[in-house]
Amino acid sequence: MSDNSNDQGVIQALLDRFNNQRLPRALAMKEKVDRGEELEEFEVTYLAAVFEDLRNIKTLLSRHPEYEPLVLKGMALYQEIAEKALANAKKNT
């Protein structure tokens, strides 16, 4: 099987996971922080894991730059959640 064929399978799996798991969870966390609430420890751990996963797909993304705009939008969403969560934590202390 070629690298491109392998890449397409990985990309499809990542897109499925994003659409079915990560995006709904991110939107729920965004609603939470937009209400001024703090994230639970497991949510902070989850965000750290997502950022690590994003770092790990850099090589794949370099071979498929057509997905870069989507990845950047996802990163911006997670960054916004993290920043609001930090601001909420500081405000509530």
N, C-alpha and C. Protein backbone atom coordinates (compact mmCIF):
# COMPACT_ATOMS: atom_id res chain seq x y z
N MET A 1 0.84 -1.17 0.00
CA MET A 1 0.00 0.00 0.00
C MET A 1 0.89 1.24 0.00
N SER A 2 0.53 2.23 -0.79
CA SER A 2 1.37 3.42 -0.91
C SER A 2 1.17 4.34 0.29
N ASP A 3 2.14 5.26 0.45
CA ASP A 3 2.04 6.23 1.54
C ASP A 3 0.79 7.08 1.40
N ASN A 4 0.46 7.47 0.15
CA ASN A 4 -0.71 8.29 -0.08
C ASN A 4 -1.98 7.55 0.33
N SER A 5 -2.03 6.26 0.03
CA SER A 5 -3.17 5.45 0.42
C SER A 5 -3.27 5.35 1.95
N ASN A 6 -2.13 5.14 2.59
CA ASN A 6 -2.10 5.12 4.06
C ASN A 6 -2.52 6.46 4.63
N ASP A 7 -1.99 7.54 4.03
CA ASP A 7 -2.34 8.88 4.49
C ASP A 7 -3.84 9.12 4.40
N GLN A 8 -4.45 8.71 3.32
CA GLN A 8 -5.87 8.95 3.15
C GLN A 8 -6.69 8.22 4.22
N GLY A 9 -6.27 7.02 4.58
CA GLY A 9 -6.95 6.30 5.64
C GLY A 9 -6.81 6.99 6.99
N VAL A 10 -5.61 7.47 7.27
CA VAL A 10 -5.36 8.19 8.52
C VAL A 10 -6.15 9.49 8.54
N ILE A 11 -6.13 10.20 7.43
CA ILE A 11 -6.87 11.46 7.34
C ILE A 11 -8.36 11.23 7.56
N GLN A 12 -8.90 10.19 6.94
CA GLN A 12 -10.32 9.90 7.11
C GLN A 12 -10.64 9.58 8.57
N ALA A 13 -9.78 8.81 9.21
CA ALA A 13 -10.00 8.48 10.62
C ALA A 13 -9.93 9.73 11.49
N LEU A 14 -8.97 10.61 11.21
CA LEU A 14 -8.85 11.86 11.97
C LEU A 14 -10.06 12.75 11.76
N LEU A 15 -10.53 12.85 10.53
CA LEU A 15 -11.71 13.66 10.25
C LEU A 15 -12.95 13.10 10.94
N ASP A 16 -13.11 11.79 10.91
CA ASP A 16 -14.24 11.15 11.59
C ASP A 16 -14.19 11.42 13.09
N ARG A 17 -13.00 11.27 13.68
CA ARG A 17 -12.86 11.51 15.12
C ARG A 17 -13.15 12.97 15.45
N PHE A 18 -12.67 13.88 14.60
CA PHE A 18 -12.92 15.29 14.85
C PHE A 18 -14.41 15.60 14.78
N ASN A 19 -15.07 15.15 13.72
CA ASN A 19 -16.49 15.45 13.53
C ASN A 19 -17.39 14.79 14.56
N ASN A 20 -17.08 13.58 14.94
CA ASN A 20 -17.97 12.80 15.80
C ASN A 20 -17.65 12.89 17.29
N GLN A 21 -16.41 13.21 17.63
CA GLN A 21 -16.01 13.23 19.03
C GLN A 21 -15.47 14.59 19.46
N ARG A 22 -14.44 15.02 18.79
CA ARG A 22 -13.72 16.20 19.27
C ARG A 22 -14.49 17.50 19.11
N LEU A 23 -15.11 17.71 17.95
CA LEU A 23 -15.83 18.97 17.75
C LEU A 23 -17.02 19.09 18.71
N PRO A 24 -17.86 18.07 18.84
CA PRO A 24 -18.96 18.20 19.82
C PRO A 24 -18.46 18.47 21.24
N ARG A 25 -17.38 17.81 21.63
CA ARG A 25 -16.84 18.02 22.97
C ARG A 25 -16.26 19.42 23.11
N ALA A 26 -15.58 19.89 22.08
CA ALA A 26 -15.02 21.24 22.10
C ALA A 26 -16.12 22.28 22.19
N LEU A 27 -17.18 22.10 21.44
CA LEU A 27 -18.28 23.07 21.48
C LEU A 27 -18.95 23.08 22.86
N ALA A 28 -19.06 21.93 23.49
CA ALA A 28 -19.63 21.87 24.84
C ALA A 28 -18.71 22.59 25.83
N MET A 29 -17.40 22.41 25.69
CA MET A 29 -16.47 23.11 26.57
C MET A 29 -16.50 24.61 26.31
N LYS A 30 -16.65 25.00 25.05
CA LYS A 30 -16.72 26.42 24.72
C LYS A 30 -17.96 27.05 25.35
N GLU A 31 -19.09 26.37 25.27
CA GLU A 31 -20.30 26.89 25.93
C GLU A 31 -20.06 27.07 27.42
N LYS A 32 -19.38 26.11 28.01
CA LYS A 32 -19.10 26.15 29.45
C LYS A 32 -18.25 27.37 29.82
N VAL A 33 -17.15 27.56 29.09
CA VAL A 33 -16.28 28.69 29.42
C VAL A 33 -16.91 30.01 29.04
N ASP A 34 -17.76 30.02 27.99
CA ASP A 34 -18.46 31.25 27.63
C ASP A 34 -19.44 31.67 28.73
N ARG A 35 -19.91 30.72 29.52
CA ARG A 35 -20.79 31.03 30.66
C ARG A 35 -19.99 31.49 31.88
N GLY A 36 -18.67 31.48 31.75
CA GLY A 36 -17.83 31.92 32.86
C GLY A 36 -17.41 30.80 33.79
N GLU A 37 -17.71 29.56 33.41
CA GLU A 37 -17.35 28.43 34.25
C GLU A 37 -15.91 28.00 34.01
N GLU A 38 -15.37 27.30 34.98
CA GLU A 38 -14.03 26.73 34.85
C GLU A 38 -14.13 25.32 34.29
N LEU A 39 -13.06 24.86 33.68
CA LEU A 39 -13.01 23.49 33.20
C LEU A 39 -12.60 22.57 34.34
N GLU A 40 -13.11 21.37 34.28
CA GLU A 40 -12.70 20.32 35.23
C GLU A 40 -11.31 19.84 34.85
N GLU A 41 -10.64 19.18 35.78
CA GLU A 41 -9.28 18.69 35.53
C GLU A 41 -9.24 17.75 34.32
N PHE A 42 -10.24 16.87 34.18
CA PHE A 42 -10.25 15.94 33.05
C PHE A 42 -10.40 16.68 31.73
N GLU A 43 -11.07 17.84 31.73
CA GLU A 43 -11.22 18.62 30.51
C GLU A 43 -9.90 19.31 30.14
N VAL A 44 -9.18 19.77 31.15
CA VAL A 44 -7.87 20.37 30.92
C VAL A 44 -6.91 19.32 30.37
N THR A 45 -6.96 18.13 30.94
CA THR A 45 -6.13 17.02 30.45
C THR A 45 -6.49 16.68 29.02
N TYR A 46 -7.76 16.69 28.71
CA TYR A 46 -8.23 16.41 27.35
C TYR A 46 -7.67 17.46 26.38
N LEU A 47 -7.75 18.74 26.75
CA LEU A 47 -7.21 19.79 25.88
C LEU A 47 -5.71 19.60 25.65
N ALA A 48 -4.98 19.24 26.68
CA ALA A 48 -3.54 19.00 26.52
C ALA A 48 -3.30 17.85 25.54
N ALA A 49 -4.10 16.81 25.62
CA ALA A 49 -3.96 15.67 24.70
C ALA A 49 -4.27 16.09 23.26
N VAL A 50 -5.27 16.94 23.09
CA VAL A 50 -5.62 17.42 21.74
C VAL A 50 -4.47 18.22 21.16
N PHE A 51 -3.90 19.13 21.96
CA PHE A 51 -2.77 19.92 21.47
C PHE A 51 -1.58 19.02 21.12
N GLU A 52 -1.35 17.99 21.89
CA GLU A 52 -0.27 17.04 21.59
C GLU A 52 -0.55 16.31 20.28
N ASP A 53 -1.79 15.89 20.09
CA ASP A 53 -2.17 15.23 18.83
C ASP A 53 -1.96 16.16 17.64
N LEU A 54 -2.28 17.42 17.82
CA LEU A 54 -2.08 18.38 16.73
C LEU A 54 -0.60 18.52 16.38
N ARG A 55 0.25 18.50 17.39
CA ARG A 55 1.70 18.55 17.12
C ARG A 55 2.16 17.29 16.37
N ASN A 56 1.53 16.18 16.68
CA ASN A 56 1.95 14.91 16.06
C ASN A 56 1.53 14.75 14.61
N ILE A 57 0.60 15.56 14.14
CA ILE A 57 0.17 15.42 12.74
C ILE A 57 0.88 16.38 11.80
N LYS A 58 1.89 17.09 12.29
CA LYS A 58 2.60 18.06 11.45
C LYS A 58 3.17 17.42 10.19
N THR A 59 3.75 16.24 10.29
CA THR A 59 4.33 15.59 9.12
C THR A 59 3.25 15.26 8.11
N LEU A 60 2.15 14.72 8.59
CA LEU A 60 1.02 14.40 7.71
C LEU A 60 0.50 15.66 7.05
N LEU A 61 0.38 16.72 7.81
CA LEU A 61 -0.11 17.98 7.28
C LEU A 61 0.84 18.57 6.24
N SER A 62 2.13 18.37 6.43
CA SER A 62 3.09 18.88 5.45
C SER A 62 2.93 18.18 4.10
N ARG A 63 2.48 16.92 4.14
CA ARG A 63 2.24 16.19 2.89
C ARG A 63 0.87 16.50 2.29
N HIS A 64 -0.02 17.06 3.10
CA HIS A 64 -1.39 17.36 2.66
C HIS A 64 -1.81 18.75 3.13
N PRO A 65 -1.18 19.78 2.55
CA PRO A 65 -1.46 21.15 3.00
C PRO A 65 -2.89 21.60 2.75
N GLU A 66 -3.63 20.87 1.94
CA GLU A 66 -5.02 21.25 1.68
C GLU A 66 -5.89 21.16 2.96
N TYR A 67 -5.40 20.43 3.97
CA TYR A 67 -6.12 20.32 5.24
C TYR A 67 -5.70 21.35 6.27
N GLU A 68 -4.69 22.15 5.93
CA GLU A 68 -4.18 23.12 6.89
C GLU A 68 -5.24 24.12 7.36
N PRO A 69 -6.09 24.68 6.47
CA PRO A 69 -7.11 25.62 6.96
C PRO A 69 -8.05 24.99 8.00
N LEU A 70 -8.42 23.75 7.81
CA LEU A 70 -9.29 23.06 8.76
C LEU A 70 -8.58 22.87 10.10
N VAL A 71 -7.33 22.45 10.04
CA VAL A 71 -6.56 22.23 11.27
C VAL A 71 -6.37 23.55 12.01
N LEU A 72 -6.11 24.61 11.28
CA LEU A 72 -5.92 25.92 11.92
C LEU A 72 -7.21 26.40 12.59
N LYS A 73 -8.36 26.15 11.97
CA LYS A 73 -9.63 26.53 12.59
C LYS A 73 -9.86 25.73 13.87
N GLY A 74 -9.56 24.45 13.83
CA GLY A 74 -9.69 23.63 15.03
C GLY A 74 -8.76 24.10 16.13
N MET A 75 -7.52 24.41 15.75
CA MET A 75 -6.56 24.90 16.73
C MET A 75 -7.03 26.21 17.35
N ALA A 76 -7.59 27.08 16.54
CA ALA A 76 -8.08 28.37 17.04
C ALA A 76 -9.21 28.16 18.04
N LEU A 77 -10.09 27.21 17.76
CA LEU A 77 -11.18 26.91 18.68
C LEU A 77 -10.64 26.42 20.02
N TYR A 78 -9.71 25.47 19.97
CA TYR A 78 -9.13 24.95 21.21
C TYR A 78 -8.35 26.02 21.96
N GLN A 79 -7.66 26.88 21.23
CA GLN A 79 -6.92 27.98 21.86
C GLN A 79 -7.88 28.94 22.57
N GLU A 80 -8.99 29.25 21.90
CA GLU A 80 -9.99 30.14 22.51
C GLU A 80 -10.55 29.53 23.79
N ILE A 81 -10.83 28.24 23.76
CA ILE A 81 -11.34 27.55 24.95
C ILE A 81 -10.32 27.63 26.07
N ALA A 82 -9.06 27.34 25.76
CA ALA A 82 -8.00 27.35 26.77
C ALA A 82 -7.83 28.74 27.38
N GLU A 83 -7.85 29.77 26.53
CA GLU A 83 -7.67 31.13 27.03
C GLU A 83 -8.83 31.56 27.92
N LYS A 84 -10.06 31.25 27.50
CA LYS A 84 -11.22 31.61 28.32
C LYS A 84 -11.23 30.82 29.62
N ALA A 85 -10.85 29.58 29.56
CA ALA A 85 -10.80 28.76 30.78
C ALA A 85 -9.80 29.35 31.77
N LEU A 86 -8.65 29.76 31.28
CA LEU A 86 -7.64 30.38 32.15
C LEU A 86 -8.17 31.69 32.75
N ALA A 87 -8.80 32.50 31.90
CA ALA A 87 -9.36 33.77 32.41
C ALA A 87 -10.44 33.52 33.45
N ASN A 88 -11.27 32.51 33.22
CA ASN A 88 -12.31 32.17 34.20
C ASN A 88 -11.70 31.71 35.51
N ALA A 89 -10.65 30.89 35.42
CA ALA A 89 -10.00 30.39 36.62
C ALA A 89 -9.39 31.54 37.42
N LYS A 90 -8.77 32.49 36.73
CA LYS A 90 -8.18 33.63 37.42
C LYS A 90 -9.26 34.51 38.06
N LYS A 91 -10.36 34.69 37.34
CA LYS A 91 -11.46 35.53 37.83
C LYS A 91 -12.13 34.90 39.05
N ASN A 92 -12.23 33.59 39.05
CA ASN A 92 -12.94 32.90 40.12
C ASN A 92 -12.06 32.56 41.33
N THR A 93 -10.79 32.96 41.31
CA THR A 93 -9.92 32.68 42.44
C THR A 93 -9.90 33.81 43.42
